[in-house]
């Protein structure tokens, strides 16, 4: 029996494997770690090696994918050489962060194996984000990634610093997601489209007279989307939240989400702005010029914006 989306499921096989492996490890950890007959053992080392095995098998699936370029699931996801490169980077970063966490587990005597499950789920969300080819799928992948990081930042429940870091990360992450979603809503309201390729074609085919009437609103929507991305990237001048969150989070968590998630955000940022929109309209460079000018002004002495010449 052939299904309508059969090839689509083949294309998303690494993501499906990560999801199934995460759920299987979660069930195993919950059942085995609460077993009285086994003395409620700590599963950090065992789950750590299982996580490394899952990431290694995922790497094999990504490397041996049967498709070089494909748009699937109703043009919401895309795989090509660009996404393949960033998926490999994400896997290598996740493997490295798990490997360097073993000593931290022993030093802090951690028994929360859910930390490793969240690493797998966040890797899954980063895969979906890199493959996103639609504003809706992009936003959902960003939110899935952020939810994992909120829990990871506050994973040390006995530490006030970790709780504070998780709360700050949640509040500022929710704010940036709201700004990002507002920009996507404006863009959809103007064009009636959410697909990246459809948006690029729409802008390229509009006459200059028609586009000028709505171009101000397009710039505002893209500015909101850009601000949301800069918050997620902790790029200046939207980086003020990063030191407090990184300082309060556990060391292994900081090593993970201060580097690896930036790869996925940078990938979708480049795909959205540089390969789709900026290729069509050079006037979008004004937004980046404004951001750079604002940052240079704010870096004057005493760290404040001044109107003096």
Foldseek 3Di string as FASTA:
>chain_A
DDDPQVVVCLQCVLLVLLVVLLVVVVVVLVVQLPDVVVPNDQCQVVLLVSLLVSLVVSLVSLVPRPDQWDQGDVNFFIHHPLLSVLLVVLSVLLNVLSVVCPVVCVVVVDRPSVLSSLSSQLSSLLSQCLGGQWQVSNLVSLVSNLVSLLCQQLVPVVAPLSVVLSVLSVVLLVVLSVLLVVLQVLLCVVPVGTGLQVSLVVLQPDDPVVCVVCVVSNLSSVLSNVSSLCCQLLHPPNVPSPVSSLVSGDVSSSSRSNPSSNSSSVSSVCVRPVVGPCVRDVVNVVSVVVRVVVRVQQPPPPRHHDPDD
